[in-house]
Amino acid sequence: MMNARRTQARQTNTEVPTTAPPAPSRQRIASTELIQGAREIIILHHGEEYLLRITKSGKLILNK
């Protein structure tokens, strides 16, 4: 009887949830710091150029 309880306990025992490591903090940069008064800037990423621009309505658009 005791062995049956131990077996049942082992079968119903699931992995103990572990706490995930904290996510690294992300760097936060204001768009005004990036744009610096311009309407468009070119961002270089892995040798490719991307155009970041601010629309008339104040939204950001990134194009390759």
N, C-alpha and C. Protein backbone atom coordinates (compact mmCIF):
# COMPACT_ATOMS: atom_id res chain seq x y z
N MET A 1 0.82 -1.19 0.00
CA MET A 1 0.00 0.00 0.00
C MET A 1 0.87 1.26 0.00
N MET A 2 1.94 1.28 0.81
CA MET A 2 2.81 2.43 0.90
C MET A 2 3.53 2.66 -0.44
N ASN A 3 3.96 1.58 -1.10
CA ASN A 3 4.62 1.71 -2.40
C ASN A 3 3.68 2.30 -3.43
N ALA A 4 2.41 1.93 -3.40
CA ALA A 4 1.43 2.46 -4.34
C ALA A 4 1.28 3.97 -4.16
N ARG A 5 1.29 4.43 -2.92
CA ARG A 5 1.18 5.87 -2.67
C ARG A 5 2.41 6.63 -3.17
N ARG A 6 3.58 6.04 -2.96
CA ARG A 6 4.80 6.68 -3.45
C ARG A 6 4.80 6.76 -4.97
N THR A 7 4.39 5.68 -5.62
CA THR A 7 4.33 5.65 -7.08
C THR A 7 3.35 6.69 -7.58
N GLN A 8 2.18 6.76 -6.95
CA GLN A 8 1.17 7.73 -7.35
C GLN A 8 1.70 9.15 -7.14
N ALA A 9 2.39 9.39 -6.05
CA ALA A 9 2.95 10.71 -5.78
C ALA A 9 3.97 11.08 -6.85
N ARG A 10 4.79 10.11 -7.26
CA ARG A 10 5.78 10.38 -8.30
C ARG A 10 5.11 10.66 -9.64
N GLN A 11 4.04 9.96 -9.94
CA GLN A 11 3.37 10.13 -11.23
C GLN A 11 2.65 11.47 -11.31
N THR A 12 2.11 11.95 -10.20
CA THR A 12 1.37 13.21 -10.24
C THR A 12 2.29 14.40 -10.00
N ASN A 13 3.51 14.14 -9.58
CA ASN A 13 4.44 15.22 -9.31
C ASN A 13 4.93 15.79 -10.65
N THR A 14 4.70 17.05 -10.85
CA THR A 14 5.19 17.70 -12.07
C THR A 14 6.42 18.51 -11.72
N GLU A 15 7.09 19.00 -12.73
CA GLU A 15 8.29 19.79 -12.49
C GLU A 15 7.94 21.03 -11.69
N VAL A 16 8.82 21.38 -10.81
CA VAL A 16 8.62 22.57 -10.00
C VAL A 16 8.90 23.78 -10.87
N PRO A 17 7.95 24.72 -10.94
CA PRO A 17 8.21 25.90 -11.78
C PRO A 17 9.39 26.69 -11.24
N THR A 18 10.25 27.10 -12.14
CA THR A 18 11.41 27.89 -11.74
C THR A 18 11.17 29.35 -12.11
N THR A 19 11.81 30.20 -11.41
CA THR A 19 11.68 31.62 -11.70
C THR A 19 12.62 31.95 -12.86
N ALA A 20 12.07 32.62 -13.86
CA ALA A 20 12.88 32.99 -15.01
C ALA A 20 13.85 34.10 -14.61
N PRO A 21 15.03 34.08 -15.20
CA PRO A 21 15.97 35.15 -14.88
C PRO A 21 15.42 36.49 -15.36
N PRO A 22 15.74 37.57 -14.69
CA PRO A 22 15.21 38.86 -15.10
C PRO A 22 15.69 39.23 -16.50
N ALA A 23 14.81 39.83 -17.26
CA ALA A 23 15.16 40.25 -18.62
C ALA A 23 16.13 41.43 -18.53
N PRO A 24 17.10 41.47 -19.46
CA PRO A 24 18.02 42.60 -19.43
C PRO A 24 17.26 43.89 -19.73
N SER A 25 17.65 44.96 -19.08
CA SER A 25 16.94 46.21 -19.31
C SER A 25 17.24 46.71 -20.72
N ARG A 26 16.25 47.29 -21.32
CA ARG A 26 16.40 47.82 -22.67
C ARG A 26 16.81 49.28 -22.59
N GLN A 27 17.65 49.68 -23.51
CA GLN A 27 18.04 51.07 -23.56
C GLN A 27 16.89 51.87 -24.13
N ARG A 28 16.57 52.97 -23.50
CA ARG A 28 15.46 53.82 -23.94
C ARG A 28 16.02 55.13 -24.46
N ILE A 29 15.71 55.43 -25.72
CA ILE A 29 16.20 56.66 -26.36
C ILE A 29 15.00 57.42 -26.88
N ALA A 30 14.90 58.68 -26.53
CA ALA A 30 13.80 59.51 -27.03
C ALA A 30 14.00 59.75 -28.52
N SER A 31 12.91 59.74 -29.26
CA SER A 31 13.00 59.95 -30.71
C SER A 31 13.61 61.31 -31.02
N THR A 32 13.37 62.28 -30.15
CA THR A 32 13.95 63.61 -30.37
C THR A 32 15.47 63.58 -30.30
N GLU A 33 16.03 62.67 -29.48
CA GLU A 33 17.49 62.52 -29.43
C GLU A 33 18.02 61.90 -30.72
N LEU A 34 17.27 60.95 -31.28
CA LEU A 34 17.69 60.32 -32.54
C LEU A 34 17.56 61.29 -33.71
N ILE A 35 16.43 61.92 -33.82
CA ILE A 35 16.13 62.78 -34.96
C ILE A 35 16.86 64.12 -34.89
N GLN A 36 17.00 64.67 -33.71
CA GLN A 36 17.69 65.95 -33.47
C GLN A 36 17.20 67.07 -34.38
N GLY A 37 15.89 67.24 -34.44
CA GLY A 37 15.30 68.34 -35.20
C GLY A 37 15.04 68.05 -36.67
N ALA A 38 15.56 66.96 -37.20
CA ALA A 38 15.33 66.62 -38.61
C ALA A 38 14.00 65.89 -38.76
N ARG A 39 13.54 65.75 -39.98
CA ARG A 39 12.33 64.96 -40.25
C ARG A 39 12.69 63.53 -40.64
N GLU A 40 13.93 63.34 -41.09
CA GLU A 40 14.38 62.02 -41.54
C GLU A 40 15.83 61.80 -41.11
N ILE A 41 16.16 60.54 -40.82
CA ILE A 41 17.55 60.16 -40.58
C ILE A 41 17.79 58.81 -41.25
N ILE A 42 19.04 58.54 -41.54
CA ILE A 42 19.41 57.23 -42.09
C ILE A 42 20.09 56.46 -40.97
N ILE A 43 19.63 55.22 -40.77
CA ILE A 43 20.20 54.34 -39.76
C ILE A 43 20.93 53.21 -40.49
N LEU A 44 22.18 52.99 -40.13
CA LEU A 44 22.95 51.89 -40.72
C LEU A 44 22.84 50.69 -39.80
N HIS A 45 22.46 49.54 -40.39
CA HIS A 45 22.31 48.30 -39.64
C HIS A 45 22.83 47.16 -40.48
N HIS A 46 23.91 46.52 -40.03
CA HIS A 46 24.55 45.41 -40.75
C HIS A 46 24.84 45.79 -42.20
N GLY A 47 25.36 46.99 -42.42
CA GLY A 47 25.73 47.43 -43.76
C GLY A 47 24.57 47.88 -44.63
N GLU A 48 23.36 47.84 -44.12
CA GLU A 48 22.17 48.27 -44.87
C GLU A 48 21.71 49.62 -44.34
N GLU A 49 21.15 50.44 -45.24
CA GLU A 49 20.61 51.74 -44.84
C GLU A 49 19.11 51.66 -44.67
N TYR A 50 18.63 52.25 -43.58
CA TYR A 50 17.20 52.34 -43.30
C TYR A 50 16.86 53.80 -43.09
N LEU A 51 15.72 54.22 -43.60
CA LEU A 51 15.27 55.59 -43.46
C LEU A 51 14.21 55.65 -42.36
N LEU A 52 14.47 56.43 -41.33
CA LEU A 52 13.51 56.66 -40.26
C LEU A 52 12.99 58.08 -40.43
N ARG A 53 11.69 58.20 -40.57
CA ARG A 53 11.14 59.54 -40.76
C ARG A 53 9.92 59.76 -39.88
N ILE A 54 9.65 61.03 -39.63
CA ILE A 54 8.48 61.42 -38.85
C ILE A 54 7.45 61.95 -39.85
N THR A 55 6.23 61.41 -39.78
CA THR A 55 5.16 61.85 -40.67
C THR A 55 4.58 63.18 -40.18
N LYS A 56 3.73 63.78 -41.00
CA LYS A 56 3.06 65.04 -40.62
C LYS A 56 2.22 64.86 -39.37
N SER A 57 1.71 63.64 -39.16
CA SER A 57 0.88 63.39 -37.97
C SER A 57 1.72 62.97 -36.76
N GLY A 58 3.07 62.97 -36.91
CA GLY A 58 3.95 62.69 -35.79
C GLY A 58 4.27 61.23 -35.55
N LYS A 59 3.92 60.36 -36.50
CA LYS A 59 4.23 58.94 -36.37
C LYS A 59 5.60 58.65 -36.97
N LEU A 60 6.23 57.57 -36.49
CA LEU A 60 7.53 57.14 -37.02
C LEU A 60 7.34 56.06 -38.07
N ILE A 61 8.08 56.17 -39.16
CA ILE A 61 8.05 55.14 -40.20
C ILE A 61 9.49 54.78 -40.53
N LEU A 62 9.75 53.47 -40.56
CA LEU A 62 11.07 52.96 -40.88
C LEU A 62 10.99 52.19 -42.18
N ASN A 63 11.77 52.61 -43.18
CA ASN A 63 11.80 51.95 -44.49
C ASN A 63 13.21 51.52 -44.81
N LYS A 64 13.31 50.42 -45.55
CA LYS A 64 14.61 49.95 -46.02
C LYS A 64 14.91 50.60 -47.35
